[in-house]
Protein backbone atom coordinates (compact mmCIF):
# COMPACT_ATOMS: atom_id res chain seq x y z
CA MET A 1 -35.35 17.31 -45.50
CA VAL A 2 -36.05 14.20 -44.54
CA HIS A 3 -39.53 15.37 -43.53
CA THR A 4 -40.61 15.26 -47.12
CA LEU A 5 -39.56 11.79 -47.66
CA ARG A 6 -41.30 10.92 -44.69
CA ARG A 7 -44.30 11.79 -45.68
CA ARG A 8 -44.36 10.13 -48.96
CA PHE A 9 -43.23 6.72 -47.29
CA LEU A 10 -45.32 6.87 -44.56
CA ARG A 11 -48.31 7.06 -47.02
CA ASP A 12 -47.36 5.10 -49.28
CA ALA A 13 -44.98 2.32 -48.01
CA PRO A 14 -46.29 -0.69 -47.11
CA GLN A 15 -46.25 -1.18 -43.14
CA GLY A 16 -43.35 -3.25 -41.81
CA ARG A 17 -42.81 -5.48 -39.22
CA GLY A 18 -40.90 -2.03 -37.74
CA GLU A 19 -42.93 0.25 -38.10
CA GLN A 20 -45.74 -1.54 -36.73
CA VAL A 21 -43.27 -2.07 -33.25
CA CYS A 22 -42.78 1.64 -33.46
CA ARG A 23 -46.25 2.37 -33.89
CA ARG A 24 -47.09 0.56 -30.51
CA ARG A 25 -45.35 3.05 -28.71
CA VAL A 26 -45.04 6.37 -31.06
CA GLU A 27 -47.26 7.62 -33.05
CA LEU A 28 -45.21 8.49 -36.50
CA PRO A 29 -45.35 11.03 -36.59
CA GLY A 30 -45.30 13.43 -34.64
CA ALA A 31 -47.18 12.30 -31.70
CA ALA A 32 -46.17 12.13 -27.91
CA VAL A 33 -43.97 9.55 -26.85
CA THR A 34 -44.86 7.86 -23.28
CA TRP A 35 -42.13 6.35 -21.63
CA GLY A 36 -41.88 4.25 -18.40
CA GLY A 37 -44.41 2.94 -16.67
CA ASP A 38 -43.45 -0.70 -17.03
CA GLY A 39 -40.18 -1.07 -17.08
CA VAL A 40 -37.57 -0.52 -19.24
CA PHE A 41 -38.23 -3.62 -21.09
CA SER A 42 -41.85 -3.83 -21.38
CA GLY A 43 -43.23 -5.64 -24.16
CA ILE A 44 -39.93 -6.94 -25.31
CA ASP A 45 -40.45 -10.11 -26.09
CA GLU A 46 -43.68 -9.72 -27.79
CA VAL A 47 -41.76 -8.68 -31.20
CA ASP A 48 -40.72 -11.02 -33.72
CA TRP A 49 -37.40 -10.32 -33.46
CA ALA A 50 -36.84 -13.64 -35.19
CA SER A 51 -38.34 -12.41 -38.17
CA MET A 52 -36.41 -9.43 -38.74
CA GLU A 53 -32.49 -9.15 -40.25
CA HIS A 54 -29.53 -7.39 -39.21
CA ALA A 55 -26.31 -7.15 -40.98
CA TYR A 56 -25.48 -10.47 -40.08
CA GLY A 57 -28.41 -12.30 -39.95
CA PRO A 58 -31.78 -12.65 -37.88
CA ALA A 59 -32.39 -9.95 -35.41
CA ASP A 60 -33.05 -12.57 -32.38
CA ASP A 61 -30.02 -11.57 -30.55
CA VAL A 62 -31.29 -8.03 -30.43
CA PRO A 63 -33.34 -8.47 -26.84
CA VAL A 64 -29.75 -9.48 -25.33
CA LEU A 65 -28.02 -6.51 -27.07
CA LEU A 66 -31.09 -4.38 -25.47
CA ARG A 67 -30.50 -5.90 -21.74
CA GLY A 68 -27.29 -5.68 -21.90
CA LEU A 69 -27.20 -1.30 -22.38
CA ALA A 70 -28.77 -1.95 -18.80
CA SER A 71 -26.19 -4.62 -17.74
CA ALA A 72 -24.32 -3.43 -14.44
CA ASP A 73 -20.92 -4.79 -16.10
CA PRO A 74 -18.86 -2.52 -18.04
CA ALA A 75 -17.51 -4.82 -20.14
CA GLU A 76 -21.45 -6.07 -21.04
CA ARG A 77 -22.56 -3.23 -21.62
CA GLU A 78 -19.21 -2.00 -24.05
CA SER A 79 -20.36 -5.34 -25.51
CA ALA A 80 -23.60 -4.89 -26.54
CA LEU A 81 -22.95 -1.36 -27.91
CA ASP A 82 -20.31 -2.50 -30.17
CA GLY A 83 -22.89 -4.95 -31.34
CA MET A 84 -25.53 -2.49 -31.96
CA TYR A 85 -23.54 -0.47 -33.78
CA GLY A 86 -21.97 -3.49 -35.27
CA ALA A 87 -24.94 -5.22 -36.85
CA VAL A 88 -28.00 -3.43 -35.81
CA HIS A 89 -26.94 -0.03 -36.62
CA HIS A 90 -24.09 -1.14 -39.09
CA GLN A 91 -22.36 1.23 -40.78
CA GLY A 92 -25.40 3.91 -40.17
CA ASP A 93 -27.62 1.21 -41.77
CA VAL A 94 -31.43 1.12 -40.45
CA TYR A 95 -33.76 -1.85 -40.45
CA ALA A 96 -36.46 -3.33 -39.11
CA CYS A 97 -34.92 -4.36 -36.39
CA THR A 98 -33.74 -1.16 -35.66
CA LEU A 99 -36.31 0.07 -35.91
CA ALA A 100 -37.93 -1.98 -33.33
CA CYS A 101 -35.13 -1.12 -31.21
CA ILE A 102 -36.11 3.16 -30.71
CA PRO A 103 -38.70 2.65 -27.76
CA PHE A 104 -36.52 0.82 -25.71
CA LEU A 105 -33.43 2.82 -26.41
CA PHE A 106 -35.87 5.63 -24.97
CA GLU A 107 -36.42 4.10 -21.93
CA LEU A 108 -32.73 3.43 -21.38
CA ALA A 109 -32.02 6.57 -21.83
CA VAL A 110 -34.55 8.30 -19.29
CA ASP A 111 -33.81 5.81 -16.69
CA PRO A 112 -31.42 7.24 -13.90
CA ASP A 113 -30.23 3.56 -12.92
CA VAL A 114 -28.50 2.90 -16.37
CA GLN A 115 -25.02 3.46 -16.35
CA ASP A 116 -23.15 5.16 -19.67
CA ARG A 117 -26.62 6.64 -20.68
CA GLY A 118 -24.45 9.03 -23.16
CA SER A 119 -23.68 6.74 -25.50
CA VAL A 120 -27.72 5.54 -26.15
CA VAL A 121 -28.52 9.23 -26.60
CA GLU A 122 -25.47 9.04 -28.70
CA LEU A 123 -27.15 5.62 -30.55
CA LEU A 124 -30.42 7.61 -31.15
CA THR A 125 -29.41 10.75 -32.31
CA SER A 126 -27.02 8.73 -35.00
CA ILE A 127 -30.28 6.48 -35.56
CA GLY A 128 -32.85 9.08 -36.21
CA GLY A 129 -30.35 11.91 -37.72
CA PHE A 130 -29.76 10.98 -41.33
CA ASP A 131 -30.81 13.64 -43.33
CA LEU A 132 -32.03 12.87 -46.65
CA ASP A 133 -32.95 15.67 -48.79
CA GLU A 134 -35.53 16.05 -52.48
CA ASP A 135 -32.39 15.61 -54.54
CA ASP A 136 -32.04 12.36 -52.44
CA GLU A 137 -35.36 11.28 -52.99
CA ALA A 138 -35.28 11.64 -56.87
CA GLU A 139 -32.04 9.57 -56.74
CA ILE A 140 -34.11 6.82 -55.06
CA ASP A 141 -34.12 3.65 -57.09
CA GLU A 142 -37.04 0.92 -56.40
CA ASP A 143 -35.06 -1.47 -54.89
CA GLU A 144 -34.17 1.42 -52.27
CA ILE A 145 -37.15 2.29 -50.94
CA GLU A 146 -37.60 0.14 -48.33
CA GLY A 147 -34.16 1.10 -46.99
CA ALA A 148 -35.32 5.37 -47.47
CA ALA A 149 -38.07 4.30 -45.93
CA ASN A 150 -36.86 3.24 -42.89
CA TYR A 151 -34.56 6.14 -42.82
CA ALA A 152 -37.68 8.37 -42.53
CA MET A 153 -39.33 6.28 -40.30
CA ALA A 154 -36.39 6.20 -38.10
CA ALA A 155 -36.18 9.78 -37.81
CA ALA A 156 -39.45 10.11 -37.27
CA ALA A 157 -39.86 8.16 -34.51
CA VAL A 158 -36.58 9.34 -32.77
CA THR A 159 -37.70 12.96 -33.51
CA ALA A 160 -41.08 12.82 -31.76
CA GLY A 161 -39.11 11.52 -28.81
CA ALA A 162 -37.11 14.08 -28.92
CA GLY A 163 -38.80 16.41 -25.91
CA VAL A 164 -37.42 13.95 -23.52
CA PHE A 165 -33.46 15.55 -24.58
CA PHE A 166 -35.05 18.74 -22.67
CA GLU A 167 -34.45 17.33 -19.27
CA LEU A 168 -32.01 14.96 -20.07
CA ILE A 169 -29.98 18.27 -20.44
CA ALA A 170 -29.61 18.69 -17.25
CA ASP A 171 -29.02 15.46 -15.78
CA GLU A 172 -27.21 14.09 -12.59
CA ASP A 173 -24.56 12.14 -15.16
CA PRO A 174 -22.04 14.73 -17.30
CA GLY A 175 -21.86 12.22 -19.82
CA VAL A 176 -25.65 12.09 -20.57
CA ARG A 177 -25.35 16.20 -20.71
CA LEU A 178 -22.20 15.99 -22.87
CA ALA A 179 -24.40 14.15 -25.61
CA ALA A 180 -28.11 15.88 -25.08
CA PRO A 181 -27.23 18.80 -26.48
CA LEU A 182 -26.07 17.59 -30.06
CA ALA A 183 -29.41 15.24 -29.59
CA LEU A 184 -31.40 18.55 -29.40
CA ALA A 185 -29.72 20.16 -32.30
CA THR A 186 -29.93 17.58 -34.39
CA LEU A 187 -34.05 15.51 -34.01
CA HIS A 188 -36.08 18.59 -31.99
CA ARG A 189 -38.64 20.19 -34.24
CA HIS A 190 -38.45 23.10 -32.49
CA PRO A 191 -35.18 24.97 -33.28
CA VAL A 192 -36.09 28.00 -31.20
CA ARG A 193 -36.41 26.94 -28.09
CA VAL A 194 -33.59 24.44 -28.41
CA LEU A 195 -31.43 27.66 -29.06
CA ALA A 196 -32.98 29.52 -25.52
CA LEU A 197 -32.27 26.34 -23.71
CA LEU A 198 -28.62 26.11 -24.72
CA ARG A 199 -28.03 29.43 -24.28
CA GLU A 200 -30.30 29.38 -20.62
CA ARG A 201 -27.77 26.28 -20.20
CA LEU A 202 -24.74 27.51 -20.64
CA PRO A 203 -23.86 29.81 -17.53
CA VAL A 204 -24.86 27.06 -14.98
CA GLU A 205 -22.91 24.22 -16.62
CA PRO A 206 -20.00 23.78 -14.71
CA ASP A 207 -18.19 20.77 -17.26
CA GLU A 208 -16.34 22.46 -19.71
CA GLU A 209 -16.52 19.51 -22.19
CA VAL A 210 -20.46 19.62 -21.69
CA ARG A 211 -19.77 23.77 -22.29
CA LEU A 212 -18.07 23.29 -25.31
CA ALA A 213 -20.82 20.83 -26.96
CA LEU A 214 -23.62 23.18 -26.16
CA VAL A 215 -21.69 25.99 -28.27
CA GLU A 216 -21.33 23.04 -30.81
CA ALA A 217 -24.91 22.60 -30.61
CA ALA A 218 -25.92 26.15 -31.70
CA GLY A 219 -23.80 26.04 -34.67
CA ARG A 220 -25.39 22.63 -35.17
CA VAL A 221 -28.77 24.69 -34.98
CA ALA A 222 -27.98 27.21 -37.38
CA LEU A 223 -26.46 24.91 -40.41
CA ARG A 224 -29.96 23.11 -40.11
CA HIS A 225 -31.95 25.59 -39.24
CA ARG A 226 -30.54 28.35 -41.83
CA PRO A 227 -32.76 31.29 -41.11
CA LEU A 228 -31.27 31.37 -37.04
CA ALA A 229 -28.07 31.43 -38.21
CA GLY A 230 -27.59 35.21 -37.67
CA ARG A 231 -28.63 35.30 -34.15
CA VAL A 232 -26.65 32.20 -33.62
CA ALA A 233 -23.90 33.99 -34.94
CA GLU A 234 -24.68 37.20 -32.92
CA TRP A 235 -24.19 34.67 -29.30
CA LEU A 236 -21.01 33.27 -30.92
CA THR A 237 -19.82 36.65 -31.05
CA LEU A 238 -20.57 37.61 -27.85
CA LEU A 239 -18.92 34.62 -26.39
CA VAL A 240 -16.24 35.35 -28.26
CA ASP A 241 -15.79 39.10 -26.94
CA ARG A 242 -17.16 38.68 -23.66
CA GLU A 243 -16.17 34.74 -22.18
CA HIS A 244 -12.70 33.97 -19.97
CA ALA A 245 -12.22 30.91 -20.76
CA PRO A 246 -10.11 30.59 -23.58
CA GLY A 247 -11.85 26.87 -24.71
CA LEU A 248 -14.69 28.67 -24.54
CA ARG A 249 -13.64 31.32 -26.98
CA LEU A 250 -12.17 28.83 -29.25
CA ALA A 251 -15.46 27.16 -29.38
CA ALA A 252 -17.65 29.87 -30.36
CA LEU A 253 -14.30 30.74 -33.22
CA ALA A 254 -14.48 27.55 -34.63
CA GLN A 255 -18.73 27.62 -34.66
CA LEU A 256 -18.71 30.74 -36.45
CA ALA A 257 -15.94 29.63 -38.81
CA ARG A 258 -18.68 26.86 -39.55
CA CYS A 259 -22.04 28.58 -40.02
CA SER A 260 -21.00 32.07 -40.09
CA PRO A 261 -17.57 32.80 -41.67
CA ASP A 262 -17.97 35.77 -42.44
CA ALA A 263 -18.86 37.11 -38.92
CA LEU A 264 -15.18 36.32 -38.19
CA PRO A 265 -13.37 38.63 -36.79
CA ARG A 266 -10.68 40.41 -39.30
CA ASP A 267 -7.12 38.98 -36.68
CA VAL A 268 -8.95 35.57 -36.79
CA VAL A 269 -5.27 34.76 -36.37
CA PRO A 270 -3.70 36.44 -33.84
CA VAL A 271 -6.69 36.46 -31.89
CA VAL A 272 -6.35 32.18 -32.44
CA SER A 273 -2.72 32.29 -31.61
CA GLY A 274 -3.75 34.39 -28.31
CA LEU A 275 -5.80 31.58 -27.06
CA LEU A 276 -3.83 28.49 -27.76
CA ARG A 277 -1.17 30.52 -25.86
CA GLU A 278 -3.60 31.18 -22.94
CA LEU A 279 -4.44 27.39 -23.07
CA ARG A 280 -1.04 26.57 -22.72
CA CYS A 281 -0.53 29.07 -19.68
CA ALA A 282 -3.79 27.27 -17.64
CA PRO A 283 -3.24 24.63 -14.65
CA GLY A 284 -2.23 21.23 -16.82
CA GLY A 285 -1.15 22.77 -20.15
CA ALA A 286 1.83 23.22 -21.43
CA PRO A 287 4.58 24.93 -20.05
CA GLU A 288 6.31 28.45 -22.01
CA GLN A 289 9.02 27.95 -22.94
CA ASP A 290 11.47 30.09 -25.10
CA HIS A 291 10.02 31.04 -28.42
CA GLN A 292 12.81 31.26 -30.46
CA HIS A 293 13.93 28.24 -29.60
CA PRO A 294 11.17 25.54 -29.20
CA HIS A 295 13.19 22.82 -30.22
CA PRO A 296 16.35 21.05 -29.85
CA GLN A 297 18.78 23.34 -30.24
CA HIS A 298 22.34 22.70 -32.63
CA ASP A 299 25.99 23.33 -32.27
CA GLN A 300 27.72 25.03 -35.98
CA ASP A 301 28.97 21.30 -36.81
CA GLY A 302 25.45 19.82 -36.43
CA GLU A 303 25.75 17.90 -33.79
CA GLN A 304 22.36 18.02 -30.76
CA ASP A 305 23.16 19.64 -27.63
CA VAL A 306 23.63 17.83 -24.77
CA ASP A 307 21.89 20.47 -22.68
CA ALA A 308 18.80 20.26 -24.74
CA GLU A 309 18.80 16.37 -25.34
CA ALA A 310 18.60 16.22 -20.88
CA GLU A 311 15.28 18.32 -21.52
CA PRO A 312 12.51 15.97 -19.48
CA ASP A 313 10.85 13.89 -21.37
CA THR A 314 6.94 15.01 -21.74
CA GLU A 315 5.60 11.70 -22.79
CA PRO A 316 3.58 10.41 -19.72
CA VAL A 317 5.26 7.55 -17.66
CA GLY A 318 3.55 4.18 -18.81
CA CYS A 319 1.16 5.48 -21.23
CA ALA A 320 1.52 3.15 -24.09
CA GLU A 321 1.40 0.11 -20.90
CA VAL A 322 -2.03 1.38 -20.08
CA SER A 323 -2.96 1.26 -23.35
CA ARG A 324 -2.11 -1.94 -24.12
CA ALA A 325 -3.56 -2.92 -20.50
CA ASP A 326 -7.47 -1.08 -21.85
CA GLN A 327 -6.76 -3.08 -25.30
CA ALA A 328 -6.30 -6.24 -23.56
CA VAL A 329 -9.17 -5.62 -21.49
CA ALA A 330 -11.48 -4.20 -24.64
CA PRO A 331 -11.55 -6.70 -27.15
CA THR A 332 -14.82 -4.68 -29.16
CA LEU A 333 -14.08 -2.75 -31.13
CA VAL A 334 -15.74 0.11 -29.02
CA GLY A 335 -12.99 -0.60 -26.67
CA GLN A 336 -10.47 0.26 -28.92
CA LEU A 337 -11.21 2.92 -30.12
CA ARG A 338 -12.16 4.31 -26.54
CA ALA A 339 -8.50 2.70 -26.14
CA LEU A 340 -6.74 5.04 -28.59
CA SER A 341 -8.67 8.00 -27.67
CA ALA A 342 -7.60 7.61 -24.26
CA GLN A 343 -4.16 7.30 -25.32
CA GLU A 344 -3.89 9.77 -28.04
CA ASN A 345 -5.32 12.24 -25.22
CA ALA A 346 -2.45 11.01 -22.21
CA GLY A 347 -0.92 14.09 -21.45
CA ARG A 348 -2.69 16.52 -23.43
CA GLY A 349 -4.32 19.60 -21.07
CA ALA A 350 -6.66 19.92 -23.78
CA PRO A 351 -7.71 17.02 -25.63
CA TRP A 352 -10.16 18.94 -27.30
CA ALA A 353 -8.22 21.91 -28.60
CA ALA A 354 -7.35 19.68 -31.63
CA ASP A 355 -10.67 19.15 -32.51
CA LEU A 356 -12.08 22.55 -32.36
CA LEU A 357 -9.35 24.01 -34.31
CA ARG A 358 -9.89 21.24 -37.44
CA THR A 359 -13.05 22.74 -37.06
CA LEU A 360 -11.86 26.23 -37.53
CA HIS A 361 -9.46 25.66 -41.00
CA VAL A 362 -12.46 23.34 -41.91
CA GLY A 363 -14.53 27.32 -41.91
CA LEU A 364 -11.92 28.69 -42.89
CA ASP A 365 -12.08 26.51 -46.24
CA ASP A 366 -10.75 28.67 -48.99
CA ARG A 367 -8.56 31.63 -46.46
CA VAL A 368 -5.26 29.91 -47.26
CA GLY A 369 -2.89 32.54 -46.34
CA ASP A 370 -5.02 32.81 -42.74
CA ARG A 371 -5.13 28.69 -42.40
CA THR A 372 -0.64 28.82 -42.83
CA ALA A 373 0.05 31.71 -41.04
CA LEU A 374 -2.12 29.76 -37.78
CA LEU A 375 -0.14 26.01 -38.71
CA ILE A 376 3.27 28.28 -38.61
CA ASP A 377 1.78 29.53 -35.12
CA GLN A 378 1.10 26.06 -33.82
CA LEU A 379 4.31 24.46 -35.91
CA ARG A 380 6.59 27.32 -33.24
CA SER A 381 4.67 26.45 -30.59
CA PRO A 382 6.40 24.89 -27.36
CA ASP A 383 3.45 22.78 -26.93
CA ARG A 384 4.40 19.30 -28.76
CA TRP A 385 0.56 18.74 -28.80
CA GLN A 386 0.49 21.83 -30.42
CA ARG A 387 2.99 20.96 -32.92
CA ILE A 388 1.39 17.29 -33.87
CA ASP A 389 -1.74 18.57 -34.44
CA ALA A 390 -0.18 21.05 -37.04
CA VAL A 391 1.48 18.58 -38.83
CA ARG A 392 -1.35 16.17 -39.26
CA MET A 393 -3.78 19.63 -40.01
CA SER A 394 -1.10 20.67 -42.68
CA GLY A 395 -1.47 17.69 -45.28
CA GLY A 396 -4.59 18.28 -45.88
CA LEU A 397 -4.13 21.98 -46.65
CA MET A 398 -1.74 21.60 -48.64
CA ARG A 399 -3.35 19.03 -50.29
CA ALA A 400 -6.97 20.95 -50.76
CA TRP A 401 -5.08 24.19 -52.15
CA ARG A 402 -2.36 25.52 -53.64
CA GLY A 403 -0.38 28.75 -51.62
CA SER A 404 3.35 29.56 -50.92
CA TYR A 405 4.48 26.72 -48.02
CA GLU A 406 7.90 27.25 -48.05
CA GLU A 407 8.10 27.74 -45.15
CA LEU A 408 5.29 25.38 -43.64
CA VAL A 409 7.01 22.51 -45.28
CA ALA A 410 10.59 23.50 -43.37
CA LEU A 411 9.02 24.02 -40.53
CA VAL A 412 7.13 20.45 -40.26
CA GLY A 413 10.61 19.15 -41.23
CA ASP A 414 11.84 20.55 -37.90
CA GLN A 415 9.44 18.30 -36.32
CA LEU A 416 11.83 15.48 -36.65
CA SER A 417 14.72 16.68 -35.16
CA ASP A 418 11.99 16.34 -31.47
CA PRO A 419 13.74 14.06 -29.59
CA SER A 420 10.94 13.14 -27.57
CA PRO A 421 9.92 9.39 -28.01
CA GLY A 422 6.48 8.47 -29.61
CA TRP A 423 6.52 11.38 -31.78
CA PRO A 424 4.47 10.06 -34.58
CA ARG A 425 5.27 10.66 -37.84
CA PRO A 426 3.64 11.65 -41.32
CA PRO A 427 2.68 9.44 -43.05
CA PRO A 428 3.65 8.88 -47.02
CA THR A 429 0.43 10.99 -48.24
CA TYR A 430 1.64 13.66 -46.36
CA TRP A 431 4.86 13.92 -48.11
CA ARG A 432 3.45 12.96 -51.52
CA SER A 433 1.48 16.47 -50.50
CA CYS A 434 4.26 18.64 -50.05
CA SER A 435 6.23 16.93 -53.25
CA ARG A 436 4.84 19.41 -55.47
CA TRP A 437 6.37 22.24 -53.54
CA PRO A 438 10.61 23.70 -53.55
CA PRO A 439 11.88 22.21 -50.71
CA PRO A 440 13.51 24.25 -47.87
CA PRO A 441 17.02 26.02 -48.02
CA PRO A 442 19.86 22.92 -47.09
CA THR A 443 20.42 24.84 -44.23
CA ARG A 444 17.13 24.28 -42.58
CA TRP A 445 17.65 20.21 -42.74
CA ARG A 446 19.86 17.97 -40.31
CA PRO A 447 23.29 16.31 -41.73
CA GLY A 448 22.86 12.21 -42.38
CA TRP A 449 19.28 12.93 -43.17
CA ARG A 450 17.90 10.63 -46.36
CA PRO A 451 15.60 11.58 -48.79
CA ILE A 452 12.19 10.14 -47.91
CA PRO A 453 10.97 8.52 -51.33
CA VAL A 454 8.41 9.63 -53.24
CA ALA A 455 5.36 7.57 -54.22
CA GLY A 456 5.26 8.54 -58.67
């Protein structure tokens, strides 16, 4: 774990500029951290930023980025966040200037006048949440010592201040409440206290997505602190059995699969399929249709039925135009990712369901039969988005595990007859993963389809 490296490098490594700045407000490791009192950016001009570097050269622009995170202008905040991830925390790297930012980021996270503080909490979690175990320590070369020391000091500094996330978990800003549970589960030294707080907060949390984050954080606690896995599994099992909200029950099942797969119910596929039906019936979900004919009908000559073709389009009106407009005003990578996410989630009744199902599949791992049955059920769903998600996930299953996939491949092929505009086509890698399996019966394919070439 990271504390092994932290002790080694805080003892042996030379005192770098980043560590000296951190020690100005944070006693490394382990002392309490004091934030506020002299303003968010008190002392920022005392730091010799120009003597440090980030991914793209001298770090003298870092104060501008930090101040940009507190701007009242959303575009300026977004540009500053993009700069933090793109240069100061480039691809997860930690530089001396990254360490020097930590006290100011904590100040921003706890200041109620700052907007988008949830993104600041996520940034702190990323900076301080990198784990290095003893195997990593043994593989470190001499020229990597400074970088490893930075990771260790970042973990120490952010962990030392992680107590503030206890208060932020009940913040008025839903974005802050969304980010705080995972920050606690990742960074706080007392996982028993964290788990107790997650259980205490769940019944009173009004936001559904935040409730899912609380459950995800419990799974993170179980993975990072294995002695607590049994306790977490008991709580998740209670949620599966007693909760009424299908989304929360699905989240609990996904985390059970992730941290305690042996605790999953034996009938996990029927249970998950039932939850997906409940999500479709929930307000905003896709309307139920004839389960035997979820796709367009065809007559005996193979022509598409006119009535089926006249079914209303489920694509939200103006979705593409909205996405293009969002990207036009969001030139940053952060903004583009946000616009793409909004485009992907437009029209979905439960946009988080796909992530929960992916987590469930990862946890089910080599249970190929269960995973195949679940994907087959999704591919027969009247909800177009559930079918799209199943197409994407089935490729990952077939690339990783051998199994009997004839029916699964045939159902994926059926999706090509969906007349809805914008139906994403599987990438070439998907068809390569299917090429090892026998083709479905010719009667399942529409006349006029041409074979897709498979790269050798």
